Amino acid sequence: MQQQQGHPLLNRWFESSVPNLHFVGASANYNFGPLCRFVVGARVAAQQVAKHAAMVA
């Protein structure tokens, strides 16, 4: 898995370099900022992961 400074590198779908392995919450902080660490950022992460899951299904 691709990393930078010990954090997974994520694409816009919160997906790592390992296909279908998504990181949200504190793990997404490095790529998407500290807002993702809190409940307020959960909606955006959930929407992106759900959109990606629908595309690959």
N, C-alpha and C. Protein backbone atom coordinates (compact mmCIF):
# COMPACT_ATOMS: atom_id res chain seq x y z
N MET A 1 0.85 -1.17 0.00
CA MET A 1 0.00 0.00 0.00
C MET A 1 0.90 1.24 0.00
N GLN A 2 0.54 2.19 -0.83
CA GLN A 2 1.31 3.43 -0.90
C GLN A 2 1.04 4.28 0.35
N GLN A 3 2.12 4.83 0.90
CA GLN A 3 2.02 5.65 2.10
C GLN A 3 2.90 6.88 1.97
N GLN A 4 2.60 7.86 2.76
CA GLN A 4 3.46 9.03 2.89
C GLN A 4 3.47 9.42 4.36
N GLN A 5 4.64 9.45 4.93
CA GLN A 5 4.83 9.77 6.34
C GLN A 5 3.98 8.86 7.23
N GLY A 6 3.83 7.60 6.82
CA GLY A 6 3.08 6.62 7.60
C GLY A 6 1.57 6.67 7.42
N HIS A 7 1.10 7.52 6.53
CA HIS A 7 -0.34 7.65 6.29
C HIS A 7 -0.67 7.06 4.92
N PRO A 8 -1.82 6.38 4.81
CA PRO A 8 -2.18 5.85 3.50
C PRO A 8 -2.50 6.98 2.52
N LEU A 9 -2.04 6.85 1.29
CA LEU A 9 -2.38 7.83 0.26
C LEU A 9 -3.72 7.42 -0.34
N LEU A 10 -4.67 8.34 -0.32
CA LEU A 10 -6.03 8.04 -0.73
C LEU A 10 -6.41 8.85 -1.96
N ASN A 11 -7.27 8.26 -2.79
CA ASN A 11 -7.80 9.00 -3.93
C ASN A 11 -9.07 9.73 -3.50
N ARG A 12 -9.76 10.36 -4.43
CA ARG A 12 -10.93 11.16 -4.06
C ARG A 12 -12.08 10.34 -3.51
N TRP A 13 -12.01 9.02 -3.68
CA TRP A 13 -13.04 8.12 -3.16
C TRP A 13 -12.66 7.56 -1.79
N PHE A 14 -11.61 8.10 -1.19
CA PHE A 14 -11.09 7.64 0.10
C PHE A 14 -10.53 6.22 -0.02
N GLU A 15 -10.14 5.84 -1.22
CA GLU A 15 -9.63 4.49 -1.48
C GLU A 15 -8.10 4.52 -1.51
N SER A 16 -7.49 3.52 -0.90
CA SER A 16 -6.03 3.41 -0.89
C SER A 16 -5.56 2.80 -2.21
N SER A 17 -4.27 2.56 -2.31
CA SER A 17 -3.72 1.94 -3.51
C SER A 17 -4.12 0.46 -3.60
N VAL A 18 -4.67 -0.09 -2.52
CA VAL A 18 -5.20 -1.44 -2.53
C VAL A 18 -6.67 -1.34 -2.96
N PRO A 19 -7.03 -1.91 -4.09
CA PRO A 19 -8.40 -1.77 -4.58
C PRO A 19 -9.46 -2.15 -3.53
N ASN A 20 -10.47 -1.30 -3.41
CA ASN A 20 -11.61 -1.49 -2.51
C ASN A 20 -11.26 -1.41 -1.03
N LEU A 21 -10.10 -0.88 -0.69
CA LEU A 21 -9.73 -0.66 0.71
C LEU A 21 -9.81 0.84 0.97
N HIS A 22 -10.83 1.25 1.70
CA HIS A 22 -11.10 2.66 1.98
C HIS A 22 -10.74 3.00 3.42
N PHE A 23 -10.30 4.23 3.62
CA PHE A 23 -9.99 4.73 4.96
C PHE A 23 -10.78 6.01 5.20
N VAL A 24 -11.45 6.08 6.32
CA VAL A 24 -12.20 7.28 6.71
C VAL A 24 -11.82 7.65 8.14
N GLY A 25 -12.30 8.76 8.61
CA GLY A 25 -11.99 9.19 9.97
C GLY A 25 -10.56 9.68 10.09
N ALA A 26 -9.93 9.38 11.20
CA ALA A 26 -8.58 9.86 11.47
C ALA A 26 -7.58 9.39 10.42
N SER A 27 -7.81 8.23 9.83
CA SER A 27 -6.91 7.72 8.80
C SER A 27 -6.91 8.56 7.52
N ALA A 28 -7.99 9.29 7.29
CA ALA A 28 -8.10 10.14 6.10
C ALA A 28 -7.61 11.56 6.37
N ASN A 29 -7.23 11.85 7.58
CA ASN A 29 -6.81 13.18 7.99
C ASN A 29 -5.67 13.73 7.13
N TYR A 30 -4.68 12.92 6.80
CA TYR A 30 -3.52 13.38 6.05
C TYR A 30 -3.92 13.89 4.66
N ASN A 31 -4.86 13.19 4.01
CA ASN A 31 -5.26 13.53 2.65
C ASN A 31 -6.36 14.58 2.57
N PHE A 32 -7.27 14.57 3.52
CA PHE A 32 -8.46 15.41 3.41
C PHE A 32 -8.61 16.43 4.53
N GLY A 33 -7.66 16.50 5.41
CA GLY A 33 -7.68 17.52 6.45
C GLY A 33 -8.35 17.07 7.74
N PRO A 34 -8.18 17.87 8.77
CA PRO A 34 -8.65 17.49 10.10
C PRO A 34 -10.17 17.40 10.22
N LEU A 35 -10.91 18.00 9.30
CA LEU A 35 -12.36 17.92 9.37
C LEU A 35 -12.85 16.47 9.29
N CYS A 36 -12.10 15.62 8.60
CA CYS A 36 -12.48 14.22 8.46
C CYS A 36 -12.39 13.44 9.76
N ARG A 37 -11.70 13.98 10.73
CA ARG A 37 -11.56 13.28 12.01
C ARG A 37 -12.81 13.38 12.87
N PHE A 38 -13.73 14.26 12.50
CA PHE A 38 -14.89 14.53 13.34
C PHE A 38 -16.18 14.11 12.63
N VAL A 39 -17.25 14.03 13.37
CA VAL A 39 -18.54 13.62 12.83
C VAL A 39 -18.98 14.50 11.68
N VAL A 40 -18.67 15.79 11.74
CA VAL A 40 -19.08 16.71 10.69
C VAL A 40 -18.50 16.30 9.33
N GLY A 41 -17.38 15.65 9.29
CA GLY A 41 -16.78 15.21 8.03
C GLY A 41 -17.25 13.83 7.58
N ALA A 42 -18.00 13.14 8.42
CA ALA A 42 -18.42 11.78 8.09
C ALA A 42 -19.35 11.72 6.89
N ARG A 43 -20.20 12.72 6.72
CA ARG A 43 -21.15 12.70 5.60
C ARG A 43 -20.44 12.69 4.25
N VAL A 44 -19.44 13.54 4.10
CA VAL A 44 -18.70 13.60 2.84
C VAL A 44 -18.00 12.27 2.57
N ALA A 45 -17.35 11.73 3.58
CA ALA A 45 -16.65 10.45 3.42
C ALA A 45 -17.64 9.35 3.05
N ALA A 46 -18.77 9.29 3.74
CA ALA A 46 -19.77 8.26 3.45
C ALA A 46 -20.31 8.38 2.03
N GLN A 47 -20.56 9.60 1.58
CA GLN A 47 -21.06 9.79 0.22
C GLN A 47 -20.05 9.35 -0.82
N GLN A 48 -18.79 9.70 -0.62
CA GLN A 48 -17.76 9.33 -1.59
C GLN A 48 -17.56 7.82 -1.64
N VAL A 49 -17.50 7.17 -0.48
CA VAL A 49 -17.31 5.72 -0.46
C VAL A 49 -18.52 5.03 -1.09
N ALA A 50 -19.74 5.50 -0.80
CA ALA A 50 -20.94 4.90 -1.37
C ALA A 50 -20.98 5.07 -2.89
N LYS A 51 -20.61 6.24 -3.39
CA LYS A 51 -20.57 6.47 -4.84
C LYS A 51 -19.59 5.51 -5.51
N HIS A 52 -18.43 5.35 -4.89
CA HIS A 52 -17.42 4.48 -5.48
C HIS A 52 -17.89 3.02 -5.44
N ALA A 53 -18.50 2.61 -4.35
CA ALA A 53 -19.00 1.24 -4.24
C ALA A 53 -20.07 0.97 -5.31
N ALA A 54 -20.91 1.95 -5.57
CA ALA A 54 -21.95 1.78 -6.60
C ALA A 54 -21.34 1.66 -7.99
N MET A 55 -20.23 2.36 -8.22
CA MET A 55 -19.58 2.32 -9.53
C MET A 55 -18.93 0.98 -9.80
N VAL A 56 -18.34 0.36 -8.78
CA VAL A 56 -17.62 -0.90 -9.00
C VAL A 56 -18.52 -2.11 -8.87
N ALA A 57 -19.71 -1.93 -8.36
CA ALA A 57 -20.63 -3.07 -8.20
C ALA A 57 -21.28 -3.46 -9.49
